[in-house]
C-alpha atoms as a PDB file:
ATOM      1  CA  MET A   1     -21.768  24.105  20.791  1.00  0.00           C
ATOM      2  CA  ILE A   2     -20.954  20.800  21.020  1.00  0.00           C
ATOM      3  CA  PRO A   3     -19.166  18.416  18.815  1.00  0.00           C
ATOM      4  CA  LYS A   4     -20.982  15.182  17.584  1.00  0.00           C
ATOM      5  CA  TYR A   5     -17.998  12.910  16.379  1.00  0.00           C
ATOM      6  CA  ASP A   6     -14.590  12.944  18.872  1.00  0.00           C
ATOM      7  CA  PHE A   7     -10.890  12.711  18.896  1.00  0.00           C
ATOM      8  CA  GLY A   8     -10.024   9.035  16.719  1.00  0.00           C
ATOM      9  CA  GLU A   9     -13.264   8.587  15.729  1.00  0.00           C
ATOM     10  CA  GLN A  10     -14.254   6.627  12.172  1.00  0.00           C
ATOM     11  CA  VAL A  11     -16.261   9.116   9.713  1.00  0.00           C
ATOM     12  CA  ARG A  12     -17.467   8.954   6.257  1.00  0.00           C
ATOM     13  CA  VAL A  13     -17.486  12.441   3.906  1.00  0.00           C
ATOM     14  CA  ILE A  14     -20.778  12.517   2.143  1.00  0.00           C
ATOM     15  CA  ARG A  15     -19.631  14.489  -0.222  1.00  0.00           C
ATOM     16  CA  THR A  16     -16.974  15.034  -2.527  1.00  0.00           C
ATOM     17  CA  LEU A  17     -14.129  17.551  -1.296  1.00  0.00           C
ATOM     18  CA  ARG A  18     -12.483  20.061  -3.266  1.00  0.00           C
ATOM     19  CA  ASP A  19      -9.656  22.816  -2.620  1.00  0.00           C
ATOM     20  CA  ASP A  20     -11.371  26.069  -1.543  1.00  0.00           C
ATOM     21  CA  GLY A  21      -7.668  28.072  -2.042  1.00  0.00           C
ATOM     22  CA  THR A  22      -6.230  26.833   1.504  1.00  0.00           C
ATOM     23  CA  TYR A  23      -4.696  23.679   1.521  1.00  0.00           C
ATOM     24  CA  PRO A  24      -1.057  23.709   1.229  1.00  0.00           C
ATOM     25  CA  GLY A  25       0.300  22.587  -2.503  1.00  0.00           C
ATOM     26  CA  LYS A  26      -3.578  22.619  -4.461  1.00  0.00           C
ATOM     27  CA  GLN A  27      -4.821  24.421  -6.040  1.00  0.00           C
ATOM     28  CA  ARG A  28      -8.527  26.209  -5.975  1.00  0.00           C
ATOM     29  CA  GLY A  29     -10.679  22.880  -7.722  1.00  0.00           C
ATOM     30  CA  ASP A  30      -8.143  20.482  -7.032  1.00  0.00           C
ATOM     31  CA  LEU A  31      -9.557  17.208  -5.896  1.00  0.00           C
ATOM     32  CA  LEU A  32      -9.276  15.932  -2.345  1.00  0.00           C
ATOM     33  CA  VAL A  33     -11.167  13.376  -1.223  1.00  0.00           C
ATOM     34  CA  LEU A  34     -13.841  11.192  -3.029  1.00  0.00           C
ATOM     35  CA  ARG A  35     -17.631  11.370  -1.538  1.00  0.00           C
ATOM     36  CA  GLY A  36     -18.137   7.632   0.441  1.00  0.00           C
ATOM     37  CA  ARG A  37     -14.446   7.664   1.729  1.00  0.00           C
ATOM     38  CA  THR A  38     -13.837   7.060   5.526  1.00  0.00           C
ATOM     39  CA  GLY A  39     -10.957   8.785   7.889  1.00  0.00           C
ATOM     40  CA  TYR A  40     -10.476   9.133  11.212  1.00  0.00           C
ATOM     41  CA  VAL A  41     -11.231  12.565  13.371  1.00  0.00           C
ATOM     42  CA  VAL A  42      -8.095  13.827  14.710  1.00  0.00           C
ATOM     43  CA  ASP A  43      -8.616  16.973  16.000  1.00  0.00           C
ATOM     44  CA  VAL A  44     -11.981  19.269  16.488  1.00  0.00           C
ATOM     45  CA  GLY A  45     -11.806  22.825  16.446  1.00  0.00           C
ATOM     46  CA  THR A  46     -13.938  26.037  15.427  1.00  0.00           C
ATOM     47  CA  PHE A  47     -14.400  28.294  12.995  1.00  0.00           C
ATOM     48  CA  LEU A  48     -15.800  31.961  12.924  1.00  0.00           C
ATOM     49  CA  GLN A  49     -17.004  30.993  16.415  1.00  0.00           C
ATOM     50  CA  ASP A  50     -20.175  29.251  14.821  1.00  0.00           C
ATOM     51  CA  GLN A  51     -18.638  26.485  13.158  1.00  0.00           C
ATOM     52  CA  ILE A  52     -17.588  23.299  14.544  1.00  0.00           C
ATOM     53  CA  ILE A  53     -14.844  22.207  12.159  1.00  0.00           C
ATOM     54  CA  TYR A  54     -13.273  18.421  12.344  1.00  0.00           C
ATOM     55  CA  ARG A  55      -9.747  17.299  11.375  1.00  0.00           C
ATOM     56  CA  VAL A  56      -9.910  14.274   9.201  1.00  0.00           C
ATOM     57  CA  HIS A  57      -7.362  11.618   8.161  1.00  0.00           C
ATOM     58  CA  PHE A  58      -8.621  10.087   5.403  1.00  0.00           C
ATOM     59  CA  VAL A  59      -5.742   7.185   5.261  1.00  0.00           C
ATOM     60  CA  ASP A  60      -6.156   5.876   2.018  1.00  0.00           C
ATOM     61  CA  ASP A  61      -5.804   9.194   0.602  1.00  0.00           C
ATOM     62  CA  GLY A  62      -3.139  10.159   2.421  1.00  0.00           C
ATOM     63  CA  VAL A  63      -4.517  13.965   3.776  1.00  0.00           C
ATOM     64  CA  GLN A  64      -6.514  15.552   6.494  1.00  0.00           C
ATOM     65  CA  VAL A  65      -8.697  18.120   5.458  1.00  0.00           C
ATOM     66  CA  GLY A  66     -11.024  19.867   7.191  1.00  0.00           C
ATOM     67  CA  CYS A  67     -14.681  19.585   7.491  1.00  0.00           C
ATOM     68  CA  ARG A  68     -17.456  20.868   8.839  1.00  0.00           C
ATOM     69  CA  GLU A  69     -20.469  18.512  10.249  1.00  0.00           C
ATOM     70  CA  GLU A  70     -23.274  18.310   7.797  1.00  0.00           C
ATOM     71  CA  GLU A  71     -20.035  16.748   5.708  1.00  0.00           C
ATOM     72  CA  LEU A  72     -19.748  13.757   7.887  1.00  0.00           C
ATOM     73  CA  ILE A  73     -21.796  10.816   9.444  1.00  0.00           C
ATOM     74  CA  PRO A  74     -20.862   7.865  11.374  1.00  0.00           C
ATOM     75  CA  LEU A  75     -19.187   4.889   9.848  1.00  0.00           C
ATOM     76  CA  ASP A  76     -22.230   2.767  10.861  1.00  0.00           C
ATOM     77  CA  ALA A  77     -24.281   5.202   9.457  1.00  0.00           C
ATOM     78  CA  PRO A  78     -26.402   3.691   6.257  1.00  0.00           C
ATOM     79  CA  TRP A  79     -24.275   4.713   2.940  1.00  0.00           C
ATOM     80  CA  VAL A  80     -26.109   5.053  -0.325  1.00  0.00           C
ATOM     81  CA  GLU A  81     -23.958   5.372  -2.676  1.00  0.00           C
ATOM     82  CA  SER A  82     -25.275   8.386  -5.675  1.00  0.00           C
ATOM     83  CA  ARG A  83     -24.245   8.845  -9.864  1.00  0.00           C
ATOM     84  CA  PHE A  84     -24.775  12.633  -8.942  1.00  0.00           C
ATOM     85  CA  GLU A  85     -23.538  15.275  -6.775  1.00  0.00           C
ATOM     86  CA  PHE A  86     -24.148  18.745  -5.251  1.00  0.00           C
ATOM     87  CA  ARG A  87     -23.516  21.481  -8.140  1.00  0.00           C
ATOM     88  CA  GLN A  88     -23.164  18.667 -11.269  1.00  0.00           C
ATOM     89  CA  GLN A  89     -25.134  19.693 -13.917  1.00  0.00           C
ATOM     90  CA  VAL A  90     -27.982  17.260 -14.979  1.00  0.00           C
ATOM     91  CA  CYS A  91     -30.795  16.807 -17.413  1.00  0.00           C
ATOM     92  CA  ALA A  92     -33.975  15.700 -17.283  1.00  0.00           C
ATOM     93  CA  SER A  93     -34.074  11.798 -18.999  1.00  0.00           C
ATOM     94  CA  ARG A  94     -37.608  12.058 -19.344  1.00  0.00           C
ATOM     95  CA  ASP A  95     -40.510  14.794 -19.054  1.00  0.00           C
ATOM     96  CA  LEU A  96     -40.664  15.667 -15.572  1.00  0.00           C
ATOM     97  CA  ALA A  97     -44.643  16.414 -14.578  1.00  0.00           C
ATOM     98  CA  VAL A  98     -47.143  17.530 -11.822  1.00  0.00           C
ATOM     99  CA  ASN A  99     -50.230  16.183 -11.542  1.00  0.00           C
ATOM    100  CA  GLY A 100     -49.936  15.855 -14.644  1.00  0.00           C
ATOM    101  CA  GLU A 101     -48.661  19.636 -16.064  1.00  0.00           C
ATOM    102  CA  VAL A 102     -45.000  18.775 -17.755  1.00  0.00           C
ATOM    103  CA  LEU A 103     -42.619  21.000 -15.800  1.00  0.00           C
ATOM    104  CA  VAL A 104     -39.511  20.011 -17.551  1.00  0.00           C
ATOM    105  CA  ALA A 105     -38.955  18.801 -20.231  1.00  0.00           C
ATOM    106  CA  ARG A 106     -37.033  15.758 -21.070  1.00  0.00           C
ATOM    107  CA  GLY A 107     -33.667  17.045 -21.847  1.00  0.00           C
ATOM    108  CA  ASP A 108     -33.809  20.030 -19.731  1.00  0.00           C
ATOM    109  CA  GLN A 109     -30.726  20.762 -18.490  1.00  0.00           C
ATOM    110  CA  GLY A 110     -30.243  21.265 -14.530  1.00  0.00           C
ATOM    111  CA  GLN A 111     -27.909  21.523 -11.582  1.00  0.00           C
ATOM    112  CA  VAL A 112     -28.018  19.550  -8.354  1.00  0.00           C
ATOM    113  CA  LEU A 113     -28.560  21.586  -5.641  1.00  0.00           C
ATOM    114  CA  ARG A 114     -28.595  18.641  -2.657  1.00  0.00           C
ATOM    115  CA  VAL A 115     -28.576  15.116  -2.983  1.00  0.00           C
ATOM    116  CA  LEU A 116     -31.332  13.601  -0.498  1.00  0.00           C
ATOM    117  CA  ARG A 117     -29.766   9.597   0.784  1.00  0.00           C
ATOM    118  CA  GLU A 118     -32.104  10.261   4.393  1.00  0.00           C
ATOM    119  CA  LEU A 119     -35.276   9.107   1.920  1.00  0.00           C
ATOM    120  CA  GLY A 120     -34.686   5.438   2.277  1.00  0.00           C
ATOM    121  CA  SER A 121     -32.849   2.864  -0.264  1.00  0.00           C
ATOM    122  CA  GLU A 122     -33.090   5.080  -3.030  1.00  0.00           C
ATOM    123  CA  VAL A 123     -31.587   8.598  -4.045  1.00  0.00           C
ATOM    124  CA  SER A 124     -33.377  11.672  -5.101  1.00  0.00           C
ATOM    125  CA  TYR A 125     -32.176  15.561  -5.676  1.00  0.00           C
ATOM    126  CA  GLN A 126     -33.052  18.813  -5.344  1.00  0.00           C
ATOM    127  CA  VAL A 127     -32.556  19.848  -9.220  1.00  0.00           C
ATOM    128  CA  ARG A 128     -32.863  23.857  -9.821  1.00  0.00           C
ATOM    129  CA  PHE A 129     -34.431  23.644 -13.730  1.00  0.00           C
ATOM    130  CA  PRO A 130     -34.991  27.213 -15.245  1.00  0.00           C
ATOM    131  CA  GLY A 131     -37.541  28.532 -13.104  1.00  0.00           C
ATOM    132  CA  ARG A 132     -37.859  26.227 -10.659  1.00  0.00           C
ATOM    133  CA  THR A 133     -36.231  23.561  -8.199  1.00  0.00           C
ATOM    134  CA  LEU A 134     -37.882  20.091  -8.091  1.00  0.00           C
ATOM    135  CA  GLN A 135     -37.412  17.304  -6.207  1.00  0.00           C
ATOM    136  CA  VAL A 136     -36.213  14.438  -8.722  1.00  0.00           C
ATOM    137  CA  ARG A 137     -35.183  10.487  -8.567  1.00  0.00           C
ATOM    138  CA  GLU A 138     -32.241   9.503  -9.923  1.00  0.00           C
ATOM    139  CA  GLN A 139     -33.688   7.592 -12.392  1.00  0.00           C
ATOM    140  CA  ALA A 140     -35.220  10.179 -14.053  1.00  0.00           C
ATOM    141  CA  LEU A 141     -31.975  12.311 -14.167  1.00  0.00           C
ATOM    142  CA  GLU A 142     -28.708  11.794 -17.331  1.00  0.00           C
ATOM    143  CA  ALA A 143     -25.809  13.593 -16.392  1.00  0.00           C
ATOM    144  CA  TRP A 144     -25.089  16.632 -19.104  1.00  0.00           C
ATOM    145  CA  SER A 145     -22.882  16.463 -22.227  1.00  0.00           C
ATOM    146  CA  ALA A 146     -22.470  19.684 -23.437  1.00  0.00           C
END
């Protein structure tokens, strides 16, 4: 395993980081760092001998957090802000159809499985609706409010 990032390199976290139960003084689920924040790599290690873990110092937030490689991008990589994030509950803001067949009705609830920023300047999501998973553009979704 060859680390992608090196000591002192500035990186951006692409998903909101929450305590998994291992951060001192925090409770499981507590917010640590918001997606889009930047920090500096201060250490590189491994977890279970098959994952590279970077200890990143988020100076503006005053925390150091262990991040997996897939949670980070280089500071100079394009960054597109998104309205929703992984595991967030959303609903369709319009009927969603494929070849004229409505698969998801307006108002149907789903959960974001993945944020797709790498498809260009527009953000899309993989959303799990009851019985199916669809790739959906951001403007076709709304935040779910119970």
